[in-house]
C-alpha atoms as a PDB file:
ATOM      1  CA  UNK A   1     -23.362  -8.951  -2.910  1.00  0.00           C
ATOM      2  CA  UNK A   2     -20.181  -7.125  -1.818  1.00  0.00           C
ATOM      3  CA  UNK A   3     -17.531  -6.803  -4.537  1.00  0.00           C
ATOM      4  CA  UNK A   4     -14.178  -8.367  -3.582  1.00  0.00           C
ATOM      5  CA  UNK A   5     -11.008  -6.435  -4.409  1.00  0.00           C
ATOM      6  CA  UNK A   6      -8.711  -9.255  -3.128  1.00  0.00           C
ATOM      7  CA  UNK A   7      -9.275 -12.924  -2.863  1.00  0.00           C
ATOM      8  CA  UNK A   8      -6.305 -15.136  -1.890  1.00  0.00           C
ATOM      9  CA  UNK A   9      -6.697 -18.954  -1.516  1.00  0.00           C
ATOM     10  CA  UNK A  10      -3.910 -21.243  -0.343  1.00  0.00           C
ATOM     11  CA  UNK A  11      -1.082 -18.754  -1.039  1.00  0.00           C
ATOM     12  CA  UNK A  12       2.389 -20.164  -0.399  1.00  0.00           C
ATOM     13  CA  UNK A  13       5.764 -18.439  -0.831  1.00  0.00           C
ATOM     14  CA  UNK A  14       9.260 -19.596   0.000  1.00  0.00           C
ATOM     15  CA  UNK A  15      12.795 -18.368  -0.529  1.00  0.00           C
ATOM     16  CA  UNK A  16      15.925 -20.386  -1.138  1.00  0.00           C
ATOM     17  CA  UNK A  17      16.360 -24.045  -1.888  1.00  0.00           C
ATOM     18  CA  UNK A  18      17.169 -27.303  -0.173  1.00  0.00           C
ATOM     19  CA  UNK A  19      18.429 -26.834   3.375  1.00  0.00           C
ATOM     20  CA  UNK A  20      18.319 -23.052   3.000  1.00  0.00           C
ATOM     21  CA  UNK A  21      14.714 -22.976   1.948  1.00  0.00           C
ATOM     22  CA  UNK A  22      12.503 -20.730   4.154  1.00  0.00           C
ATOM     23  CA  UNK A  23       8.739 -21.002   3.969  1.00  0.00           C
ATOM     24  CA  UNK A  24       7.245 -17.555   4.532  1.00  0.00           C
ATOM     25  CA  UNK A  25       3.577 -17.884   3.611  1.00  0.00           C
ATOM     26  CA  UNK A  26       1.803 -21.261   4.161  1.00  0.00           C
ATOM     27  CA  UNK A  27      -1.631 -21.690   2.653  1.00  0.00           C
ATOM     28  CA  UNK A  28      -2.644 -18.091   3.290  1.00  0.00           C
ATOM     29  CA  UNK A  29      -6.341 -17.353   2.637  1.00  0.00           C
ATOM     30  CA  UNK A  30      -8.218 -14.043   2.949  1.00  0.00           C
ATOM     31  CA  UNK A  31     -10.574 -11.656   1.272  1.00  0.00           C
ATOM     32  CA  UNK A  32     -10.762  -7.909   1.124  1.00  0.00           C
ATOM     33  CA  UNK A  33     -14.103  -6.193   0.118  1.00  0.00           C
ATOM     34  CA  UNK A  34     -14.441  -2.985  -1.816  1.00  0.00           C
ATOM     35  CA  UNK A  35     -14.105   0.097   0.489  1.00  0.00           C
ATOM     36  CA  UNK A  36     -12.756  -1.892   3.349  1.00  0.00           C
ATOM     37  CA  UNK A  37      -9.628  -1.167   5.352  1.00  0.00           C
ATOM     38  CA  UNK A  38      -7.687  -4.020   6.870  1.00  0.00           C
ATOM     39  CA  UNK A  39      -4.529  -3.834   9.046  1.00  0.00           C
ATOM     40  CA  UNK A  40      -2.032  -6.688   8.981  1.00  0.00           C
ATOM     41  CA  UNK A  41       0.109  -7.017  12.130  1.00  0.00           C
ATOM     42  CA  UNK A  42       2.819  -9.472  13.133  1.00  0.00           C
ATOM     43  CA  UNK A  43       6.433  -9.564  14.168  1.00  0.00           C
ATOM     44  CA  UNK A  44       9.301  -8.530  11.925  1.00  0.00           C
ATOM     45  CA  UNK A  45      10.168 -11.186   9.393  1.00  0.00           C
ATOM     46  CA  UNK A  46       6.793 -12.940   9.530  1.00  0.00           C
ATOM     47  CA  UNK A  47       6.107 -12.149   5.802  1.00  0.00           C
ATOM     48  CA  UNK A  48       4.043  -8.975   5.818  1.00  0.00           C
ATOM     49  CA  UNK A  49       6.124  -7.224   3.156  1.00  0.00           C
ATOM     50  CA  UNK A  50       6.186 -10.469   1.157  1.00  0.00           C
ATOM     51  CA  UNK A  51       2.399 -10.435   1.212  1.00  0.00           C
ATOM     52  CA  UNK A  52       2.285  -6.824  -0.087  1.00  0.00           C
ATOM     53  CA  UNK A  53       4.738  -7.583  -2.885  1.00  0.00           C
ATOM     54  CA  UNK A  54       2.612 -10.568  -3.954  1.00  0.00           C
ATOM     55  CA  UNK A  55      -0.413  -8.288  -4.104  1.00  0.00           C
ATOM     56  CA  UNK A  56       1.228  -5.672  -6.228  1.00  0.00           C
ATOM     57  CA  UNK A  57       2.866  -8.298  -8.573  1.00  0.00           C
ATOM     58  CA  UNK A  58       6.510  -7.543  -7.715  1.00  0.00           C
ATOM     59  CA  UNK A  59       6.796 -11.247  -6.813  1.00  0.00           C
ATOM     60  CA  UNK A  60       4.677 -14.295  -7.601  1.00  0.00           C
ATOM     61  CA  UNK A  61       3.253 -17.005  -5.274  1.00  0.00           C
ATOM     62  CA  UNK A  62       4.658 -20.523  -5.493  1.00  0.00           C
ATOM     63  CA  UNK A  63       1.271 -22.075  -4.847  1.00  0.00           C
ATOM     64  CA  UNK A  64      -2.347 -20.931  -4.479  1.00  0.00           C
ATOM     65  CA  UNK A  65      -4.538 -18.570  -6.402  1.00  0.00           C
ATOM     66  CA  UNK A  66      -4.872 -14.840  -6.281  1.00  0.00           C
ATOM     67  CA  UNK A  67      -7.697 -12.646  -7.662  1.00  0.00           C
ATOM     68  CA  UNK A  68      -7.706  -8.867  -7.917  1.00  0.00           C
ATOM     69  CA  UNK A  69     -10.842  -7.006  -8.850  1.00  0.00           C
ATOM     70  CA  UNK A  70     -12.570 -10.307  -9.616  1.00  0.00           C
ATOM     71  CA  UNK A  71      -9.901 -11.354 -12.168  1.00  0.00           C
ATOM     72  CA  UNK A  72      -7.328 -14.230 -11.730  1.00  0.00           C
ATOM     73  CA  UNK A  73      -3.768 -13.091 -11.532  1.00  0.00           C
ATOM     74  CA  UNK A  74      -2.207 -16.374 -12.559  1.00  0.00           C
ATOM     75  CA  UNK A  75      -0.474 -15.814 -15.928  1.00  0.00           C
ATOM     76  CA  UNK A  76      -0.517 -11.984 -15.827  1.00  0.00           C
ATOM     77  CA  UNK A  77       2.559 -10.723 -17.657  1.00  0.00           C
ATOM     78  CA  UNK A  78       4.988  -8.266 -16.114  1.00  0.00           C
ATOM     79  CA  UNK A  79       3.472  -5.563 -18.383  1.00  0.00           C
ATOM     80  CA  UNK A  80      -0.042  -6.333 -17.212  1.00  0.00           C
ATOM     81  CA  UNK A  81       1.131  -6.115 -13.532  1.00  0.00           C
ATOM     82  CA  UNK A  82       2.912  -2.774 -14.310  1.00  0.00           C
ATOM     83  CA  UNK A  83      -0.382  -1.517 -15.801  1.00  0.00           C
ATOM     84  CA  UNK A  84      -2.177  -2.438 -12.604  1.00  0.00           C
ATOM     85  CA  UNK A  85       0.392  -0.628 -10.461  1.00  0.00           C
ATOM     86  CA  UNK A  86       0.139   2.508 -12.663  1.00  0.00           C
ATOM     87  CA  UNK A  87      -3.643   2.768 -12.580  1.00  0.00           C
ATOM     88  CA  UNK A  88      -5.453   0.555 -10.048  1.00  0.00           C
ATOM     89  CA  UNK A  89      -3.059  -0.506  -7.218  1.00  0.00           C
ATOM     90  CA  UNK A  90      -0.891   2.060  -5.461  1.00  0.00           C
ATOM     91  CA  UNK A  91       1.739   1.077  -2.950  1.00  0.00           C
ATOM     92  CA  UNK A  92       2.710   3.452  -0.184  1.00  0.00           C
ATOM     93  CA  UNK A  93       6.187   2.625   1.045  1.00  0.00           C
ATOM     94  CA  UNK A  94       7.581   3.446   4.467  1.00  0.00           C
ATOM     95  CA  UNK A  95      10.271   5.714   3.006  1.00  0.00           C
ATOM     96  CA  UNK A  96       7.802   7.531   0.687  1.00  0.00           C
ATOM     97  CA  UNK A  97       9.470   6.348  -2.456  1.00  0.00           C
ATOM     98  CA  UNK A  98       9.637   9.906  -3.912  1.00  0.00           C
ATOM     99  CA  UNK A  99      11.968  10.846  -6.780  1.00  0.00           C
ATOM    100  CA  UNK A 100      14.762  12.746  -5.147  1.00  0.00           C
ATOM    101  CA  UNK A 101      15.519  14.969  -8.170  1.00  0.00           C
ATOM    102  CA  UNK A 102      11.909  16.217  -8.413  1.00  0.00           C
ATOM    103  CA  UNK A 103      10.106  18.656  -6.154  1.00  0.00           C
ATOM    104  CA  UNK A 104       6.847  17.666  -4.507  1.00  0.00           C
ATOM    105  CA  UNK A 105       4.594  19.076  -7.271  1.00  0.00           C
ATOM    106  CA  UNK A 106       6.602  17.353  -9.992  1.00  0.00           C
ATOM    107  CA  UNK A 107       6.577  14.092  -8.078  1.00  0.00           C
ATOM    108  CA  UNK A 108       2.784  14.154  -8.038  1.00  0.00           C
ATOM    109  CA  UNK A 109       2.535  15.116 -11.707  1.00  0.00           C
ATOM    110  CA  UNK A 110       5.001  12.412 -12.643  1.00  0.00           C
ATOM    111  CA  UNK A 111       3.031   9.748 -10.879  1.00  0.00           C
ATOM    112  CA  UNK A 112      -0.225  10.944 -12.420  1.00  0.00           C
ATOM    113  CA  UNK A 113       1.433  11.053 -15.869  1.00  0.00           C
ATOM    114  CA  UNK A 114       2.447   7.401 -15.597  1.00  0.00           C
ATOM    115  CA  UNK A 115      -1.281   6.598 -15.259  1.00  0.00           C
ATOM    116  CA  UNK A 116      -2.195   8.807 -18.221  1.00  0.00           C
ATOM    117  CA  UNK A 117      -3.848  11.402 -15.916  1.00  0.00           C
ATOM    118  CA  UNK A 118      -3.630  15.088 -15.241  1.00  0.00           C
ATOM    119  CA  UNK A 119      -4.216  16.255 -11.698  1.00  0.00           C
ATOM    120  CA  UNK A 120      -4.027  19.539  -9.762  1.00  0.00           C
ATOM    121  CA  UNK A 121      -1.127  18.816  -7.315  1.00  0.00           C
ATOM    122  CA  UNK A 122      -1.852  21.824  -5.162  1.00  0.00           C
ATOM    123  CA  UNK A 123      -5.422  20.630  -4.501  1.00  0.00           C
ATOM    124  CA  UNK A 124      -4.119  17.279  -3.220  1.00  0.00           C
ATOM    125  CA  UNK A 125      -1.458  19.006  -1.094  1.00  0.00           C
ATOM    126  CA  UNK A 126      -4.068  21.362   0.451  1.00  0.00           C
ATOM    127  CA  UNK A 127      -6.274  18.461   1.278  1.00  0.00           C
ATOM    128  CA  UNK A 128      -3.392  16.855   3.104  1.00  0.00           C
ATOM    129  CA  UNK A 129      -2.370  20.077   4.844  1.00  0.00           C
ATOM    130  CA  UNK A 130       1.100  20.505   3.134  1.00  0.00           C
ATOM    131  CA  UNK A 131       0.574  23.012   0.393  1.00  0.00           C
ATOM    132  CA  UNK A 132       3.475  25.025   1.753  1.00  0.00           C
ATOM    133  CA  UNK A 133       5.964  22.295   0.722  1.00  0.00           C
ATOM    134  CA  UNK A 134       4.874  22.196  -2.976  1.00  0.00           C
ATOM    135  CA  UNK A 135       8.210  23.425  -4.316  1.00  0.00           C
ATOM    136  CA  UNK A 136      10.452  21.519  -1.917  1.00  0.00           C
ATOM    137  CA  UNK A 137      12.479  18.480  -2.694  1.00  0.00           C
ATOM    138  CA  UNK A 138      12.093  15.230  -0.724  1.00  0.00           C
ATOM    139  CA  UNK A 139      15.341  15.763   1.242  1.00  0.00           C
ATOM    140  CA  UNK A 140      13.867  19.089   2.453  1.00  0.00           C
ATOM    141  CA  UNK A 141      10.796  17.544   4.008  1.00  0.00           C
ATOM    142  CA  UNK A 142      10.157  16.208   7.564  1.00  0.00           C
ATOM    143  CA  UNK A 143       9.158  12.657   8.067  1.00  0.00           C
ATOM    144  CA  UNK A 144       5.439  13.622   8.278  1.00  0.00           C
ATOM    145  CA  UNK A 145       5.589  15.918   5.252  1.00  0.00           C
ATOM    146  CA  UNK A 146       7.275  13.131   3.228  1.00  0.00           C
ATOM    147  CA  UNK A 147       4.573  10.598   4.098  1.00  0.00           C
ATOM    148  CA  UNK A 148       1.842  13.039   3.178  1.00  0.00           C
ATOM    149  CA  UNK A 149       3.560  13.906  -0.065  1.00  0.00           C
ATOM    150  CA  UNK A 150       3.818  10.195  -0.818  1.00  0.00           C
ATOM    151  CA  UNK A 151       0.070   9.852  -0.039  1.00  0.00           C
ATOM    152  CA  UNK A 152      -0.674  12.736  -2.507  1.00  0.00           C
ATOM    153  CA  UNK A 153       1.377  10.748  -5.124  1.00  0.00           C
ATOM    154  CA  UNK A 154      -0.652   7.692  -4.474  1.00  0.00           C
ATOM    155  CA  UNK A 155      -3.958   9.553  -4.717  1.00  0.00           C
ATOM    156  CA  UNK A 156      -2.817  11.142  -7.964  1.00  0.00           C
ATOM    157  CA  UNK A 157      -3.151   7.919  -9.882  1.00  0.00           C
ATOM    158  CA  UNK A 158      -6.773   7.566  -8.673  1.00  0.00           C
ATOM    159  CA  UNK A 159      -6.271   3.942  -7.527  1.00  0.00           C
ATOM    160  CA  UNK A 160      -8.940   1.536  -6.358  1.00  0.00           C
ATOM    161  CA  UNK A 161      -6.576  -0.257  -3.867  1.00  0.00           C
ATOM    162  CA  UNK A 162      -3.830   1.162  -1.639  1.00  0.00           C
ATOM    163  CA  UNK A 163      -1.254  -1.130  -0.226  1.00  0.00           C
ATOM    164  CA  UNK A 164       0.594   0.631   2.608  1.00  0.00           C
ATOM    165  CA  UNK A 165       3.770  -0.746   4.202  1.00  0.00           C
ATOM    166  CA  UNK A 166       4.331   0.661   7.671  1.00  0.00           C
ATOM    167  CA  UNK A 167       3.010   4.079   6.637  1.00  0.00           C
ATOM    168  CA  UNK A 168       3.810   5.638  10.064  1.00  0.00           C
ATOM    169  CA  UNK A 169       6.878   3.549  10.682  1.00  0.00           C
ATOM    170  CA  UNK A 170       9.386   6.409  10.142  1.00  0.00           C
ATOM    171  CA  UNK A 171       7.336   9.007  12.098  1.00  0.00           C
ATOM    172  CA  UNK A 172       7.369   9.974  15.759  1.00  0.00           C
ATOM    173  CA  UNK A 173       4.232   9.629  17.804  1.00  0.00           C
ATOM    174  CA  UNK A 174       3.156  13.243  17.291  1.00  0.00           C
ATOM    175  CA  UNK A 175       3.624  13.075  13.520  1.00  0.00           C
ATOM    176  CA  UNK A 176       1.912   9.755  13.298  1.00  0.00           C
ATOM    177  CA  UNK A 177      -1.174  11.116  15.172  1.00  0.00           C
ATOM    178  CA  UNK A 178      -1.307  13.963  12.570  1.00  0.00           C
ATOM    179  CA  UNK A 179      -0.942  11.730   9.495  1.00  0.00           C
ATOM    180  CA  UNK A 180      -3.331   8.916  10.432  1.00  0.00           C
ATOM    181  CA  UNK A 181      -6.585  10.974  10.370  1.00  0.00           C
ATOM    182  CA  UNK A 182      -5.578  12.551   7.039  1.00  0.00           C
ATOM    183  CA  UNK A 183      -4.959   9.107   5.574  1.00  0.00           C
ATOM    184  CA  UNK A 184      -8.297   7.644   6.573  1.00  0.00           C
ATOM    185  CA  UNK A 185     -10.263  10.794   5.783  1.00  0.00           C
ATOM    186  CA  UNK A 186      -8.762  11.035   2.284  1.00  0.00           C
ATOM    187  CA  UNK A 187      -9.326   7.313   1.771  1.00  0.00           C
ATOM    188  CA  UNK A 188     -12.977   7.415   2.785  1.00  0.00           C
ATOM    189  CA  UNK A 189     -13.683  10.471   0.633  1.00  0.00           C
ATOM    190  CA  UNK A 190     -12.393   8.533  -2.386  1.00  0.00           C
ATOM    191  CA  UNK A 191     -14.034   5.215  -1.507  1.00  0.00           C
ATOM    192  CA  UNK A 192     -10.738   3.440  -1.550  1.00  0.00           C
ATOM    193  CA  UNK A 193      -9.846  -0.019  -0.314  1.00  0.00           C
ATOM    194  CA  UNK A 194      -6.708  -0.348   1.817  1.00  0.00           C
ATOM    195  CA  UNK A 195      -4.466  -3.185   3.140  1.00  0.00           C
ATOM    196  CA  UNK A 196      -2.074  -1.698   5.738  1.00  0.00           C
ATOM    197  CA  UNK A 197       0.881  -3.478   7.115  1.00  0.00           C
ATOM    198  CA  UNK A 198       1.766  -1.879  10.548  1.00  0.00           C
ATOM    199  CA  UNK A 199       3.297  -2.325  14.010  1.00  0.00           C
ATOM    200  CA  UNK A 200       1.291   0.654  15.260  1.00  0.00           C
ATOM    201  CA  UNK A 201      -1.790  -0.477  17.309  1.00  0.00           C
ATOM    202  CA  UNK A 202      -3.349   2.985  17.049  1.00  0.00           C
ATOM    203  CA  UNK A 203      -3.204   2.838  13.290  1.00  0.00           C
ATOM    204  CA  UNK A 204      -4.542  -0.698  13.270  1.00  0.00           C
ATOM    205  CA  UNK A 205      -7.576   0.332  15.360  1.00  0.00           C
ATOM    206  CA  UNK A 206      -8.587   2.841  12.766  1.00  0.00           C
ATOM    207  CA  UNK A 207      -9.058   0.057  10.257  1.00  0.00           C
ATOM    208  CA  UNK A 208     -12.288  -1.995   9.807  1.00  0.00           C
ATOM    209  CA  UNK A 209     -10.490  -5.178  10.589  1.00  0.00           C
ATOM    210  CA  UNK A 210      -7.213  -6.225  12.111  1.00  0.00           C
ATOM    211  CA  UNK A 211      -5.538  -9.571  11.090  1.00  0.00           C
ATOM    212  CA  UNK A 212      -2.410 -11.171  12.538  1.00  0.00           C
ATOM    213  CA  UNK A 213       0.112 -12.849  10.289  1.00  0.00           C
ATOM    214  CA  UNK A 214       1.512 -15.716  12.182  1.00  0.00           C
ATOM    215  CA  UNK A 215       3.226 -18.930  11.000  1.00  0.00           C
ATOM    216  CA  UNK A 216       2.512 -17.889   7.411  1.00  0.00           C
ATOM    217  CA  UNK A 217      -1.308 -17.583   7.837  1.00  0.00           C
ATOM    218  CA  UNK A 218      -3.647 -14.739   8.614  1.00  0.00           C
ATOM    219  CA  UNK A 219      -5.868 -14.912  11.703  1.00  0.00           C
ATOM    220  CA  UNK A 220      -8.321 -12.498  13.290  1.00  0.00           C
END
């Protein structure tokens, strides 16, 4: 039997109250198996980022049940969620989310340290083809270099699940074509599970499945 990394059943999320209340997710249900990559597509404002933030515990559902790694998430404390984000769930943000005052090597070491790990940053950077930027700061990187540095930071915590929010959204087409194979090669080598929010059809086609978020629900 395939192990499930994510199981969501009847997830609902709204913002605001009364006449200003906006329902974003409506009874959303889906499953993500270990080692699987799934792309989530849909128009801007349909709730894709809300879904990712529910899955990493930054916000909580109003209704429904969520399980990660076979365990129910209802009742998890903020500290428990923070522990998951440090060790088992890595979120890759569109802007890279690098610490601006640390160079690339120190960004990687910092992320690994939060998880209680020691890593060889240069090994990760070599694998991603950007060893030459090891001593540079985030504002000295191109868009493609920044995304690969962020990916190295994500891999440094040795996660089981990667949540990626528009990982090629800030890249031009040429840079995106360079980053995508590296992302999937590194993910497959590590046996990672990935949920990827994207507008990029080429990136979506690299995934095992593509789901559309529409009217608050996911559809094939």
